[in-house]
Amino acid sequence: MKKIASVLKNKYLLTVIILTVWVIFFDKNDLKTQLELRAEVEKLEEERNYFAKEINSITSVIKELYTNPKTLEKFAREEYLMKRDNEDIFVIVEEQKEL
């Protein structure tokens, strides 16, 4: 009991304990907030990596469209339903079943 009382009388140790508790639980930048911010940063980094991959793939497709006329023709036919003068286009649309 005397040992605990002597530890509590040490003003430096008591100050460190109080400041530690304050920083962990009550401060504006407490531990919970820091963990939430770290999770958000990780999520944003994953999104950044995903979009960087998408940009690279789209850039390669655009480069291919500018350099290869057959690829450009295929893209125009599939995406914009373009056709030659002597051709007919049939668009097949799948119906979704209602539950």
N, C-alpha and C. Protein backbone atom coordinates (compact mmCIF):
# COMPACT_ATOMS: atom_id res chain seq x y z
N MET A 1 0.82 -1.19 0.00
CA MET A 1 0.00 0.00 0.00
C MET A 1 0.87 1.26 0.00
N LYS A 2 1.97 1.19 0.78
CA LYS A 2 2.87 2.33 0.83
C LYS A 2 3.55 2.55 -0.52
N LYS A 3 3.81 1.44 -1.23
CA LYS A 3 4.45 1.53 -2.53
C LYS A 3 3.54 2.25 -3.54
N ILE A 4 2.27 1.92 -3.53
CA ILE A 4 1.30 2.56 -4.43
C ILE A 4 1.17 4.03 -4.08
N ALA A 5 1.15 4.35 -2.81
CA ALA A 5 1.04 5.74 -2.38
C ALA A 5 2.27 6.54 -2.80
N SER A 6 3.44 5.92 -2.73
CA SER A 6 4.66 6.64 -3.12
C SER A 6 4.69 6.85 -4.64
N VAL A 7 4.15 5.92 -5.41
CA VAL A 7 4.09 6.08 -6.86
C VAL A 7 3.13 7.21 -7.21
N LEU A 8 2.00 7.28 -6.53
CA LEU A 8 1.02 8.33 -6.79
C LEU A 8 1.52 9.71 -6.35
N LYS A 9 2.46 9.74 -5.44
CA LYS A 9 3.00 11.02 -4.99
C LYS A 9 4.04 11.56 -5.97
N ASN A 10 4.56 10.69 -6.82
CA ASN A 10 5.54 11.13 -7.82
C ASN A 10 4.81 11.96 -8.88
N LYS A 11 5.03 13.27 -8.85
CA LYS A 11 4.26 14.16 -9.71
C LYS A 11 4.61 13.99 -11.19
N TYR A 12 5.82 13.58 -11.52
CA TYR A 12 6.20 13.40 -12.91
C TYR A 12 5.51 12.17 -13.52
N LEU A 13 5.50 11.10 -12.77
CA LEU A 13 4.83 9.88 -13.25
C LEU A 13 3.33 10.12 -13.37
N LEU A 14 2.77 10.79 -12.40
CA LEU A 14 1.34 11.10 -12.43
C LEU A 14 1.01 12.00 -13.64
N THR A 15 1.86 12.96 -13.92
CA THR A 15 1.66 13.84 -15.07
C THR A 15 1.73 13.05 -16.38
N VAL A 16 2.68 12.15 -16.50
CA VAL A 16 2.82 11.33 -17.72
C VAL A 16 1.59 10.45 -17.89
N ILE A 17 1.12 9.86 -16.83
CA ILE A 17 -0.07 9.00 -16.91
C ILE A 17 -1.29 9.81 -17.33
N ILE A 18 -1.48 10.96 -16.74
CA ILE A 18 -2.63 11.79 -17.08
C ILE A 18 -2.55 12.26 -18.53
N LEU A 19 -1.39 12.69 -18.98
CA LEU A 19 -1.24 13.13 -20.37
C LEU A 19 -1.45 11.97 -21.36
N THR A 20 -0.97 10.80 -21.00
CA THR A 20 -1.16 9.64 -21.86
C THR A 20 -2.64 9.29 -21.99
N VAL A 21 -3.34 9.29 -20.89
CA VAL A 21 -4.79 9.01 -20.93
C VAL A 21 -5.50 10.09 -21.73
N TRP A 22 -5.10 11.34 -21.54
CA TRP A 22 -5.74 12.44 -22.27
C TRP A 22 -5.53 12.28 -23.78
N VAL A 23 -4.30 11.99 -24.19
CA VAL A 23 -4.00 11.87 -25.62
C VAL A 23 -4.71 10.66 -26.23
N ILE A 24 -4.79 9.57 -25.51
CA ILE A 24 -5.40 8.35 -26.07
C ILE A 24 -6.92 8.49 -26.17
N PHE A 25 -7.57 9.10 -25.22
CA PHE A 25 -9.04 9.07 -25.18
C PHE A 25 -9.74 10.41 -25.44
N PHE A 26 -9.18 11.53 -25.01
CA PHE A 26 -9.94 12.77 -25.01
C PHE A 26 -9.46 13.81 -26.02
N ASP A 27 -8.32 13.66 -26.57
CA ASP A 27 -7.77 14.65 -27.48
C ASP A 27 -8.52 14.65 -28.81
N LYS A 28 -8.39 15.74 -29.57
CA LYS A 28 -9.03 15.84 -30.88
C LYS A 28 -8.48 14.75 -31.82
N ASN A 29 -7.23 14.41 -31.69
CA ASN A 29 -6.60 13.38 -32.50
C ASN A 29 -6.39 12.11 -31.68
N ASP A 30 -7.46 11.64 -31.05
CA ASP A 30 -7.34 10.46 -30.19
C ASP A 30 -7.07 9.20 -31.01
N LEU A 31 -6.89 8.11 -30.32
CA LEU A 31 -6.50 6.85 -30.93
C LEU A 31 -7.56 6.35 -31.91
N LYS A 32 -8.82 6.46 -31.57
CA LYS A 32 -9.90 6.01 -32.45
C LYS A 32 -9.90 6.79 -33.76
N THR A 33 -9.74 8.09 -33.67
CA THR A 33 -9.71 8.92 -34.87
C THR A 33 -8.52 8.56 -35.75
N GLN A 34 -7.39 8.33 -35.14
CA GLN A 34 -6.20 7.96 -35.92
C GLN A 34 -6.40 6.64 -36.65
N LEU A 35 -7.01 5.67 -35.99
CA LEU A 35 -7.27 4.38 -36.64
C LEU A 35 -8.25 4.52 -37.78
N GLU A 36 -9.28 5.34 -37.61
CA GLU A 36 -10.24 5.58 -38.69
C GLU A 36 -9.58 6.26 -39.87
N LEU A 37 -8.74 7.24 -39.60
CA LEU A 37 -8.04 7.94 -40.68
C LEU A 37 -7.08 7.01 -41.41
N ARG A 38 -6.42 6.15 -40.68
CA ARG A 38 -5.50 5.19 -41.31
C ARG A 38 -6.27 4.24 -42.23
N ALA A 39 -7.45 3.77 -41.80
CA ALA A 39 -8.27 2.90 -42.63
C ALA A 39 -8.73 3.63 -43.88
N GLU A 40 -9.09 4.90 -43.74
CA GLU A 40 -9.51 5.68 -44.90
C GLU A 40 -8.37 5.88 -45.89
N VAL A 41 -7.17 6.10 -45.38
CA VAL A 41 -6.00 6.26 -46.24
C VAL A 41 -5.74 4.98 -47.02
N GLU A 42 -5.84 3.83 -46.36
CA GLU A 42 -5.64 2.55 -47.04
C GLU A 42 -6.68 2.35 -48.14
N LYS A 43 -7.92 2.70 -47.84
CA LYS A 43 -9.00 2.57 -48.84
C LYS A 43 -8.73 3.47 -50.04
N LEU A 44 -8.31 4.70 -49.78
CA LEU A 44 -8.03 5.63 -50.87
C LEU A 44 -6.82 5.19 -51.69
N GLU A 45 -5.83 4.59 -51.06
CA GLU A 45 -4.68 4.07 -51.80
C GLU A 45 -5.09 2.91 -52.71
N GLU A 46 -5.99 2.05 -52.22
CA GLU A 46 -6.49 0.96 -53.05
C GLU A 46 -7.25 1.51 -54.26
N GLU A 47 -8.07 2.54 -54.03
CA GLU A 47 -8.80 3.16 -55.13
C GLU A 47 -7.83 3.80 -56.13
N ARG A 48 -6.80 4.45 -55.62
CA ARG A 48 -5.81 5.07 -56.50
C ARG A 48 -5.13 4.03 -57.37
N ASN A 49 -4.76 2.90 -56.77
CA ASN A 49 -4.11 1.83 -57.54
C ASN A 49 -5.06 1.27 -58.59
N TYR A 50 -6.33 1.09 -58.22
CA TYR A 50 -7.32 0.58 -59.18
C TYR A 50 -7.46 1.54 -60.36
N PHE A 51 -7.61 2.82 -60.08
CA PHE A 51 -7.80 3.79 -61.15
C PHE A 51 -6.53 3.95 -61.99
N ALA A 52 -5.37 3.80 -61.40
CA ALA A 52 -4.13 3.86 -62.18
C ALA A 52 -4.07 2.69 -63.17
N LYS A 53 -4.49 1.50 -62.73
CA LYS A 53 -4.54 0.35 -63.64
C LYS A 53 -5.56 0.58 -64.75
N GLU A 54 -6.71 1.15 -64.39
CA GLU A 54 -7.73 1.42 -65.40
C GLU A 54 -7.23 2.45 -66.42
N ILE A 55 -6.54 3.47 -65.95
CA ILE A 55 -6.00 4.48 -66.86
C ILE A 55 -5.00 3.85 -67.81
N ASN A 56 -4.14 2.98 -67.29
CA ASN A 56 -3.16 2.32 -68.15
C ASN A 56 -3.83 1.45 -69.20
N SER A 57 -4.86 0.70 -68.79
CA SER A 57 -5.52 -0.18 -69.76
C SER A 57 -6.26 0.64 -70.81
N ILE A 58 -6.93 1.71 -70.40
CA ILE A 58 -7.66 2.54 -71.36
C ILE A 58 -6.68 3.26 -72.29
N THR A 59 -5.55 3.67 -71.77
CA THR A 59 -4.54 4.32 -72.61
C THR A 59 -4.02 3.36 -73.67
N SER A 60 -3.82 2.11 -73.29
CA SER A 60 -3.35 1.13 -74.28
C SER A 60 -4.42 0.86 -75.33
N VAL A 61 -5.70 0.84 -74.93
CA VAL A 61 -6.78 0.66 -75.90
C VAL A 61 -6.84 1.84 -76.85
N ILE A 62 -6.72 3.04 -76.34
CA ILE A 62 -6.74 4.23 -77.19
C ILE A 62 -5.57 4.23 -78.17
N LYS A 63 -4.40 3.85 -77.67
CA LYS A 63 -3.23 3.77 -78.54
C LYS A 63 -3.46 2.76 -79.65
N GLU A 64 -4.04 1.63 -79.31
CA GLU A 64 -4.35 0.60 -80.30
C GLU A 64 -5.37 1.11 -81.32
N LEU A 65 -6.36 1.87 -80.86
CA LEU A 65 -7.37 2.41 -81.78
C LEU A 65 -6.75 3.41 -82.76
N TYR A 66 -5.79 4.20 -82.31
CA TYR A 66 -5.16 5.18 -83.19
C TYR A 66 -4.20 4.53 -84.19
N THR A 67 -3.63 3.39 -83.85
CA THR A 67 -2.60 2.80 -84.70
C THR A 67 -3.12 1.69 -85.60
N ASN A 68 -4.20 1.03 -85.24
CA ASN A 68 -4.68 -0.13 -86.00
C ASN A 68 -6.07 0.16 -86.56
N PRO A 69 -6.20 0.29 -87.88
CA PRO A 69 -7.52 0.60 -88.46
C PRO A 69 -8.54 -0.52 -88.26
N LYS A 70 -8.10 -1.77 -88.24
CA LYS A 70 -9.05 -2.87 -88.03
C LYS A 70 -9.64 -2.83 -86.62
N THR A 71 -8.83 -2.48 -85.66
CA THR A 71 -9.32 -2.36 -84.29
C THR A 71 -10.31 -1.20 -84.18
N LEU A 72 -10.02 -0.11 -84.87
CA LEU A 72 -10.92 1.04 -84.88
C LEU A 72 -12.26 0.67 -85.51
N GLU A 73 -12.23 -0.08 -86.61
CA GLU A 73 -13.47 -0.51 -87.25
C GLU A 73 -14.27 -1.43 -86.34
N LYS A 74 -13.60 -2.35 -85.69
CA LYS A 74 -14.27 -3.27 -84.76
C LYS A 74 -14.91 -2.50 -83.61
N PHE A 75 -14.18 -1.55 -83.06
CA PHE A 75 -14.71 -0.73 -81.96
C PHE A 75 -15.94 0.05 -82.41
N ALA A 76 -15.88 0.67 -83.59
CA ALA A 76 -17.00 1.46 -84.09
C ALA A 76 -18.22 0.57 -84.31
N ARG A 77 -18.01 -0.62 -84.83
CA ARG A 77 -19.13 -1.53 -85.08
C ARG A 77 -19.77 -1.99 -83.76
N GLU A 78 -18.95 -2.32 -82.77
CA GLU A 78 -19.48 -2.87 -81.52
C GLU A 78 -20.08 -1.79 -80.62
N GLU A 79 -19.42 -0.67 -80.50
CA GLU A 79 -19.85 0.35 -79.55
C GLU A 79 -20.89 1.31 -80.11
N TYR A 80 -20.75 1.67 -81.37
CA TYR A 80 -21.62 2.69 -81.94
C TYR A 80 -22.55 2.15 -83.02
N LEU A 81 -22.55 0.83 -83.19
CA LEU A 81 -23.42 0.15 -84.15
C LEU A 81 -23.30 0.73 -85.55
N MET A 82 -22.09 1.09 -85.93
CA MET A 82 -21.85 1.60 -87.28
C MET A 82 -21.78 0.43 -88.24
N LYS A 83 -22.06 0.71 -89.52
CA LYS A 83 -22.09 -0.36 -90.51
C LYS A 83 -21.64 0.18 -91.85
N ARG A 84 -21.35 -0.75 -92.73
CA ARG A 84 -21.05 -0.38 -94.11
C ARG A 84 -22.37 -0.20 -94.85
N ASP A 85 -22.29 0.37 -96.04
CA ASP A 85 -23.50 0.66 -96.80
C ASP A 85 -24.30 -0.58 -97.17
N ASN A 86 -23.66 -1.68 -97.44
CA ASN A 86 -24.36 -2.86 -97.91
C ASN A 86 -24.65 -3.87 -96.78
N GLU A 87 -24.61 -3.45 -95.55
CA GLU A 87 -24.81 -4.36 -94.42
C GLU A 87 -26.06 -3.99 -93.64
N ASP A 88 -26.60 -5.00 -92.97
CA ASP A 88 -27.69 -4.79 -92.03
C ASP A 88 -27.20 -5.18 -90.63
N ILE A 89 -27.70 -4.48 -89.62
CA ILE A 89 -27.30 -4.76 -88.24
C ILE A 89 -28.51 -5.29 -87.50
N PHE A 90 -28.28 -6.37 -86.78
CA PHE A 90 -29.31 -6.94 -85.92
C PHE A 90 -28.80 -6.87 -84.49
N VAL A 91 -29.52 -6.16 -83.64
CA VAL A 91 -29.13 -6.02 -82.24
C VAL A 91 -29.99 -6.98 -81.43
N ILE A 92 -29.32 -7.85 -80.70
CA ILE A 92 -30.02 -8.83 -79.86
C ILE A 92 -29.92 -8.35 -78.42
N VAL A 93 -31.10 -8.13 -77.84
CA VAL A 93 -31.16 -7.67 -76.46
C VAL A 93 -31.74 -8.78 -75.61
N GLU A 94 -31.03 -9.13 -74.55
CA GLU A 94 -31.52 -10.18 -73.65
C GLU A 94 -32.50 -9.56 -72.67
N GLU A 95 -33.65 -10.22 -72.53
CA GLU A 95 -34.65 -9.73 -71.59
C GLU A 95 -34.33 -10.25 -70.20
N GLN A 96 -34.56 -9.41 -69.22
CA GLN A 96 -34.35 -9.83 -67.84
C GLN A 96 -35.66 -10.33 -67.27
N LYS A 97 -35.60 -11.47 -66.63
CA LYS A 97 -36.79 -12.04 -66.03
C LYS A 97 -37.10 -11.33 -64.73
N GLU A 98 -38.38 -11.04 -64.53
CA GLU A 98 -38.79 -10.40 -63.29
C GLU A 98 -39.05 -11.49 -62.25
N LEU A 99 -38.65 -11.24 -61.05
CA LEU A 99 -38.83 -12.22 -59.98
C LEU A 99 -40.15 -12.07 -59.29
